[in-house]
Amino acid sequence: MSVTLKGAVGASAAALLASSATLVCCVLPAVMVSLGAGAVLVGLVSAVPQLIWLSEHKIMVFAIAGGMLLASGLMLRRAAYLPCPTDPVAAKACIRLRRISSALFWSAVVAYSIGAGFLWIVPLVSG
């Protein structure tokens, strides 16, 4: 499998998108109801009924997001050992792509962790 820096950025962006779905399925409803915005949540679900599907299939959403995070992490690890070009402009772009892909990846990890916390930890703590 050939790994490129652009591919690593794409994989990190896809992982961030998948991890964001975990926030929508688990964190958004819990926070809105906790803040007393249940009516707003009902209006949001009426406007975007696909949110119900995400909530009904949250295990699959987490499995897909976790798989994408794993693939993205492996691609980033392999891409970290690729050499950057010697041309100063291309080297600067290479370093910038590495920073962007790393930031996207860690943002996805944070989003996934928050979603997992709301799905599995908060129900245990709140009783």
N, C-alpha and C. Protein backbone atom coordinates (compact mmCIF):
# COMPACT_ATOMS: atom_id res chain seq x y z
N MET A 1 0.85 -1.17 0.00
CA MET A 1 0.00 0.00 0.00
C MET A 1 0.90 1.24 0.00
N SER A 2 0.73 2.06 -0.97
CA SER A 2 1.51 3.28 -1.08
C SER A 2 0.80 4.40 -0.35
N VAL A 3 1.50 5.06 0.55
CA VAL A 3 0.93 6.15 1.34
C VAL A 3 1.54 7.46 0.86
N THR A 4 0.67 8.43 0.62
CA THR A 4 1.14 9.76 0.28
C THR A 4 0.66 10.73 1.34
N LEU A 5 1.27 11.90 1.39
CA LEU A 5 0.84 12.90 2.36
C LEU A 5 -0.57 13.38 2.08
N LYS A 6 -0.90 13.55 0.80
CA LYS A 6 -2.26 13.99 0.46
C LYS A 6 -3.27 12.92 0.84
N GLY A 7 -2.91 11.65 0.69
CA GLY A 7 -3.80 10.56 1.10
C GLY A 7 -4.00 10.55 2.60
N ALA A 8 -2.95 10.85 3.34
CA ALA A 8 -3.06 10.90 4.80
C ALA A 8 -3.97 12.04 5.23
N VAL A 9 -3.89 13.18 4.54
CA VAL A 9 -4.79 14.30 4.85
C VAL A 9 -6.23 13.91 4.55
N GLY A 10 -6.45 13.25 3.42
CA GLY A 10 -7.80 12.80 3.07
C GLY A 10 -8.35 11.80 4.07
N ALA A 11 -7.50 10.87 4.50
CA ALA A 11 -7.94 9.88 5.49
C ALA A 11 -8.26 10.55 6.82
N SER A 12 -7.46 11.53 7.21
CA SER A 12 -7.73 12.24 8.46
C SER A 12 -9.02 13.04 8.38
N ALA A 13 -9.28 13.65 7.23
CA ALA A 13 -10.53 14.40 7.05
C ALA A 13 -11.73 13.46 7.09
N ALA A 14 -11.61 12.29 6.48
CA ALA A 14 -12.70 11.31 6.50
C ALA A 14 -12.94 10.81 7.93
N ALA A 15 -11.86 10.59 8.67
CA ALA A 15 -12.00 10.15 10.07
C ALA A 15 -12.67 11.23 10.91
N LEU A 16 -12.34 12.50 10.64
CA LEU A 16 -12.98 13.60 11.37
C LEU A 16 -14.46 13.65 11.05
N LEU A 17 -14.84 13.45 9.81
CA LEU A 17 -16.25 13.45 9.43
C LEU A 17 -16.99 12.31 10.12
N ALA A 18 -16.40 11.12 10.11
CA ALA A 18 -17.04 9.97 10.77
C ALA A 18 -17.13 10.18 12.27
N SER A 19 -16.10 10.75 12.88
CA SER A 19 -16.13 11.01 14.32
C SER A 19 -17.15 12.08 14.67
N SER A 20 -17.37 13.01 13.77
CA SER A 20 -18.39 14.04 14.01
C SER A 20 -19.78 13.41 14.07
N ALA A 21 -19.97 12.34 13.34
CA ALA A 21 -21.26 11.63 13.40
C ALA A 21 -21.50 11.06 14.79
N THR A 22 -20.43 10.68 15.50
CA THR A 22 -20.61 10.18 16.86
C THR A 22 -21.06 11.30 17.79
N LEU A 23 -20.60 12.52 17.51
CA LEU A 23 -21.06 13.65 18.31
C LEU A 23 -22.54 13.93 18.07
N VAL A 24 -22.95 13.83 16.82
CA VAL A 24 -24.34 14.11 16.47
C VAL A 24 -25.27 13.05 17.05
N CYS A 25 -24.85 11.79 17.04
CA CYS A 25 -25.75 10.74 17.50
C CYS A 25 -25.85 10.66 19.01
N CYS A 26 -24.79 11.02 19.71
CA CYS A 26 -24.80 10.78 21.15
C CYS A 26 -24.67 12.03 22.01
N VAL A 27 -23.83 12.96 21.62
CA VAL A 27 -23.59 14.14 22.45
C VAL A 27 -24.68 15.18 22.28
N LEU A 28 -25.03 15.48 21.05
CA LEU A 28 -26.01 16.54 20.77
C LEU A 28 -27.33 16.32 21.50
N PRO A 29 -27.96 15.14 21.40
CA PRO A 29 -29.23 14.97 22.12
C PRO A 29 -29.08 15.08 23.64
N ALA A 30 -28.02 14.50 24.19
CA ALA A 30 -27.83 14.53 25.64
C ALA A 30 -27.62 15.96 26.14
N VAL A 31 -26.81 16.71 25.44
CA VAL A 31 -26.53 18.09 25.87
C VAL A 31 -27.77 18.96 25.74
N MET A 32 -28.50 18.81 24.63
CA MET A 32 -29.68 19.65 24.42
C MET A 32 -30.75 19.37 25.48
N VAL A 33 -30.97 18.10 25.80
CA VAL A 33 -31.96 17.75 26.82
C VAL A 33 -31.49 18.22 28.19
N SER A 34 -30.20 18.09 28.47
CA SER A 34 -29.65 18.53 29.76
C SER A 34 -29.79 20.04 29.95
N LEU A 35 -29.68 20.77 28.85
CA LEU A 35 -29.81 22.23 28.93
C LEU A 35 -31.25 22.71 28.87
N GLY A 36 -32.19 21.77 28.79
CA GLY A 36 -33.60 22.14 28.75
C GLY A 36 -34.06 22.54 27.36
N ALA A 37 -33.33 22.12 26.35
CA ALA A 37 -33.68 22.47 24.97
C ALA A 37 -34.28 21.27 24.25
N GLY A 38 -35.12 20.53 24.94
CA GLY A 38 -35.77 19.36 24.33
C GLY A 38 -36.64 19.73 23.14
N ALA A 39 -37.32 20.87 23.23
CA ALA A 39 -38.18 21.31 22.12
C ALA A 39 -37.34 21.65 20.89
N VAL A 40 -36.17 22.22 21.12
CA VAL A 40 -35.26 22.53 20.01
C VAL A 40 -34.79 21.23 19.37
N LEU A 41 -34.50 20.23 20.19
CA LEU A 41 -34.08 18.93 19.67
C LEU A 41 -35.18 18.30 18.83
N VAL A 42 -36.41 18.39 19.28
CA VAL A 42 -37.54 17.86 18.52
C VAL A 42 -37.66 18.58 17.18
N GLY A 43 -37.51 19.90 17.18
CA GLY A 43 -37.55 20.66 15.93
C GLY A 43 -36.42 20.28 15.00
N LEU A 44 -35.22 20.05 15.56
CA LEU A 44 -34.07 19.65 14.75
C LEU A 44 -34.28 18.28 14.14
N VAL A 45 -34.82 17.35 14.91
CA VAL A 45 -35.09 16.00 14.40
C VAL A 45 -36.19 16.04 13.34
N SER A 46 -37.16 16.93 13.51
CA SER A 46 -38.21 17.08 12.49
C SER A 46 -37.63 17.62 11.19
N ALA A 47 -36.68 18.53 11.29
CA ALA A 47 -36.06 19.12 10.10
C ALA A 47 -35.06 18.17 9.45
N VAL A 48 -34.35 17.39 10.26
CA VAL A 48 -33.33 16.46 9.75
C VAL A 48 -33.60 15.08 10.34
N PRO A 49 -34.52 14.31 9.74
CA PRO A 49 -34.89 13.01 10.31
C PRO A 49 -33.76 11.96 10.26
N GLN A 50 -32.70 12.23 9.51
CA GLN A 50 -31.57 11.29 9.45
C GLN A 50 -30.86 11.17 10.80
N LEU A 51 -31.06 12.15 11.66
CA LEU A 51 -30.46 12.08 13.00
C LEU A 51 -30.98 10.88 13.78
N ILE A 52 -32.23 10.51 13.53
CA ILE A 52 -32.82 9.34 14.20
C ILE A 52 -32.07 8.08 13.78
N TRP A 53 -31.74 7.97 12.48
CA TRP A 53 -31.02 6.80 11.98
C TRP A 53 -29.66 6.69 12.67
N LEU A 54 -28.96 7.82 12.82
CA LEU A 54 -27.66 7.79 13.49
C LEU A 54 -27.80 7.29 14.93
N SER A 55 -28.83 7.74 15.61
CA SER A 55 -29.03 7.32 17.00
C SER A 55 -29.42 5.86 17.10
N GLU A 56 -30.20 5.37 16.15
CA GLU A 56 -30.61 3.97 16.17
C GLU A 56 -29.45 3.03 15.86
N HIS A 57 -28.49 3.48 15.07
CA HIS A 57 -27.37 2.65 14.64
C HIS A 57 -26.04 3.15 15.22
N LYS A 58 -26.05 3.56 16.47
CA LYS A 58 -24.86 4.19 17.05
C LYS A 58 -23.68 3.22 17.16
N ILE A 59 -23.92 1.95 17.38
CA ILE A 59 -22.81 0.99 17.46
C ILE A 59 -22.10 0.90 16.10
N MET A 60 -22.89 0.85 15.03
CA MET A 60 -22.29 0.81 13.69
C MET A 60 -21.56 2.12 13.39
N VAL A 61 -22.13 3.24 13.79
CA VAL A 61 -21.48 4.54 13.58
C VAL A 61 -20.13 4.56 14.30
N PHE A 62 -20.09 4.09 15.54
CA PHE A 62 -18.84 4.06 16.29
C PHE A 62 -17.85 3.08 15.69
N ALA A 63 -18.32 1.94 15.21
CA ALA A 63 -17.42 0.96 14.59
C ALA A 63 -16.79 1.53 13.32
N ILE A 64 -17.58 2.17 12.48
CA ILE A 64 -17.06 2.75 11.24
C ILE A 64 -16.08 3.88 11.57
N ALA A 65 -16.45 4.75 12.50
CA ALA A 65 -15.57 5.86 12.87
C ALA A 65 -14.27 5.34 13.48
N GLY A 66 -14.36 4.32 14.31
CA GLY A 66 -13.16 3.74 14.90
C GLY A 66 -12.25 3.11 13.86
N GLY A 67 -12.85 2.42 12.89
CA GLY A 67 -12.07 1.84 11.81
C GLY A 67 -11.38 2.91 10.97
N MET A 68 -12.10 3.99 10.71
CA MET A 68 -11.50 5.08 9.94
C MET A 68 -10.39 5.76 10.73
N LEU A 69 -10.56 5.90 12.04
CA LEU A 69 -9.50 6.47 12.87
C LEU A 69 -8.27 5.57 12.87
N LEU A 70 -8.48 4.28 12.95
CA LEU A 70 -7.37 3.34 12.93
C LEU A 70 -6.62 3.41 11.60
N ALA A 71 -7.36 3.40 10.50
CA ALA A 71 -6.74 3.48 9.18
C ALA A 71 -6.00 4.81 9.01
N SER A 72 -6.61 5.88 9.44
CA SER A 72 -5.98 7.19 9.34
C SER A 72 -4.71 7.26 10.18
N GLY A 73 -4.76 6.72 11.38
CA GLY A 73 -3.58 6.71 12.24
C GLY A 73 -2.43 5.91 11.63
N LEU A 74 -2.76 4.77 11.03
CA LEU A 74 -1.73 3.96 10.38
C LEU A 74 -1.14 4.69 9.18
N MET A 75 -1.99 5.34 8.40
CA MET A 75 -1.50 6.10 7.24
C MET A 75 -0.61 7.26 7.69
N LEU A 76 -1.01 7.95 8.73
CA LEU A 76 -0.19 9.06 9.24
C LEU A 76 1.16 8.57 9.75
N ARG A 77 1.15 7.44 10.41
CA ARG A 77 2.40 6.89 10.93
C ARG A 77 3.35 6.52 9.79
N ARG A 78 2.80 5.91 8.75
CA ARG A 78 3.64 5.55 7.60
C ARG A 78 4.10 6.80 6.85
N ALA A 79 3.23 7.79 6.73
CA ALA A 79 3.58 9.01 6.00
C ALA A 79 4.61 9.84 6.76
N ALA A 80 4.69 9.67 8.06
CA ALA A 80 5.64 10.44 8.86
C ALA A 80 7.08 10.10 8.49
N TYR A 81 7.30 8.90 7.97
CA TYR A 81 8.65 8.48 7.61
C TYR A 81 8.99 8.76 6.14
N LEU A 82 8.04 9.31 5.40
CA LEU A 82 8.33 9.68 4.02
C LEU A 82 9.19 10.93 3.99
N PRO A 83 10.15 10.98 3.09
CA PRO A 83 10.99 12.18 3.04
C PRO A 83 10.25 13.35 2.38
N CYS A 84 10.55 14.55 2.84
CA CYS A 84 10.03 15.75 2.18
C CYS A 84 11.00 16.14 1.06
N PRO A 85 10.51 16.82 0.04
CA PRO A 85 11.39 17.24 -1.06
C PRO A 85 12.47 18.20 -0.58
N THR A 86 13.52 18.30 -1.37
CA THR A 86 14.62 19.21 -1.02
C THR A 86 14.34 20.64 -1.44
N ASP A 87 13.44 20.83 -2.39
CA ASP A 87 13.06 22.17 -2.81
C ASP A 87 12.40 22.89 -1.63
N PRO A 88 12.86 24.10 -1.27
CA PRO A 88 12.32 24.78 -0.08
C PRO A 88 10.82 25.00 -0.11
N VAL A 89 10.26 25.35 -1.26
CA VAL A 89 8.81 25.59 -1.34
C VAL A 89 8.05 24.29 -1.17
N ALA A 90 8.52 23.24 -1.85
CA ALA A 90 7.86 21.93 -1.72
C ALA A 90 8.03 21.36 -0.32
N ALA A 91 9.18 21.60 0.30
CA ALA A 91 9.40 21.12 1.66
C ALA A 91 8.47 21.81 2.64
N LYS A 92 8.25 23.11 2.44
CA LYS A 92 7.33 23.86 3.31
C LYS A 92 5.91 23.33 3.16
N ALA A 93 5.52 23.01 1.91
CA ALA A 93 4.18 22.45 1.67
C ALA A 93 4.06 21.06 2.30
N CYS A 94 5.13 20.29 2.24
CA CYS A 94 5.14 18.96 2.85
C CYS A 94 4.93 19.05 4.35
N ILE A 95 5.66 19.93 4.99
CA ILE A 95 5.54 20.10 6.44
C ILE A 95 4.15 20.61 6.81
N ARG A 96 3.62 21.50 5.99
CA ARG A 96 2.26 22.04 6.24
C ARG A 96 1.22 20.92 6.14
N LEU A 97 1.34 20.05 5.13
CA LEU A 97 0.40 18.93 4.99
C LEU A 97 0.49 17.99 6.18
N ARG A 98 1.69 17.77 6.67
CA ARG A 98 1.84 16.90 7.85
C ARG A 98 1.15 17.51 9.07
N ARG A 99 1.30 18.80 9.24
CA ARG A 99 0.64 19.47 10.38
C ARG A 99 -0.88 19.43 10.24
N ILE A 100 -1.37 19.68 9.04
CA ILE A 100 -2.82 19.66 8.80
C ILE A 100 -3.38 18.28 9.06
N SER A 101 -2.73 17.25 8.52
CA SER A 101 -3.25 15.90 8.71
C SER A 101 -3.20 15.48 10.16
N SER A 102 -2.16 15.90 10.87
CA SER A 102 -2.06 15.58 12.29
C SER A 102 -3.16 16.29 13.09
N ALA A 103 -3.39 17.56 12.78
CA ALA A 103 -4.44 18.31 13.48
C ALA A 103 -5.82 17.70 13.21
N LEU A 104 -6.08 17.32 11.97
CA LEU A 104 -7.36 16.69 11.64
C LEU A 104 -7.52 15.37 12.38
N PHE A 105 -6.45 14.59 12.41
CA PHE A 105 -6.51 13.29 13.09
C PHE A 105 -6.81 13.45 14.58
N TRP A 106 -6.08 14.35 15.24
CA TRP A 106 -6.29 14.50 16.68
C TRP A 106 -7.64 15.15 17.00
N SER A 107 -8.14 15.98 16.10
CA SER A 107 -9.50 16.51 16.27
C SER A 107 -10.52 15.38 16.18
N ALA A 108 -10.29 14.46 15.27
CA ALA A 108 -11.18 13.30 15.13
C ALA A 108 -11.11 12.42 16.37
N VAL A 109 -9.92 12.23 16.92
CA VAL A 109 -9.78 11.41 18.13
C VAL A 109 -10.53 12.05 19.30
N VAL A 110 -10.43 13.37 19.43
CA VAL A 110 -11.14 14.07 20.50
C VAL A 110 -12.65 13.94 20.32
N ALA A 111 -13.13 14.14 19.08
CA ALA A 111 -14.57 14.01 18.81
C ALA A 111 -15.05 12.60 19.11
N TYR A 112 -14.29 11.60 18.70
CA TYR A 112 -14.66 10.20 18.95
C TYR A 112 -14.69 9.92 20.45
N SER A 113 -13.70 10.43 21.17
CA SER A 113 -13.64 10.20 22.61
C SER A 113 -14.80 10.85 23.35
N ILE A 114 -15.15 12.05 22.96
CA ILE A 114 -16.31 12.73 23.58
C ILE A 114 -17.59 11.95 23.30
N GLY A 115 -17.77 11.53 22.06
CA GLY A 115 -18.95 10.73 21.71
C GLY A 115 -19.00 9.43 22.49
N ALA A 116 -17.86 8.75 22.60
CA ALA A 116 -17.82 7.49 23.35
C ALA A 116 -18.10 7.73 24.83
N GLY A 117 -17.60 8.82 25.36
CA GLY A 117 -17.88 9.14 26.75
C GLY A 117 -19.35 9.35 27.01
N PHE A 118 -20.02 10.04 26.10
CA PHE A 118 -21.45 10.27 26.28
C PHE A 118 -22.26 9.00 26.05
N LEU A 119 -21.76 8.10 25.22
CA LEU A 119 -22.51 6.87 24.95
C LEU A 119 -22.34 5.84 26.07
N TRP A 120 -21.10 5.66 26.57
CA TRP A 120 -20.87 4.58 27.51
C TRP A 120 -20.55 5.04 28.92
N ILE A 121 -19.90 6.15 29.12
CA ILE A 121 -19.49 6.56 30.48
C ILE A 121 -20.59 7.32 31.21
N VAL A 122 -21.18 8.30 30.56
CA VAL A 122 -22.19 9.14 31.21
C VAL A 122 -23.39 8.32 31.73
N PRO A 123 -23.91 7.34 30.96
CA PRO A 123 -25.01 6.54 31.52
C PRO A 123 -24.64 5.76 32.77
N LEU A 124 -23.38 5.32 32.86
CA LEU A 124 -22.93 4.60 34.06
C LEU A 124 -22.84 5.52 35.27
N VAL A 125 -22.35 6.73 35.04
CA VAL A 125 -22.17 7.70 36.12
C VAL A 125 -23.50 8.26 36.60
N SER A 126 -24.39 8.55 35.65
CA SER A 126 -25.65 9.17 36.02
C SER A 126 -26.65 8.17 36.60
N GLY A 127 -26.34 6.90 36.50
CA GLY A 127 -27.15 5.91 37.17
C GLY A 127 -28.27 5.44 36.36
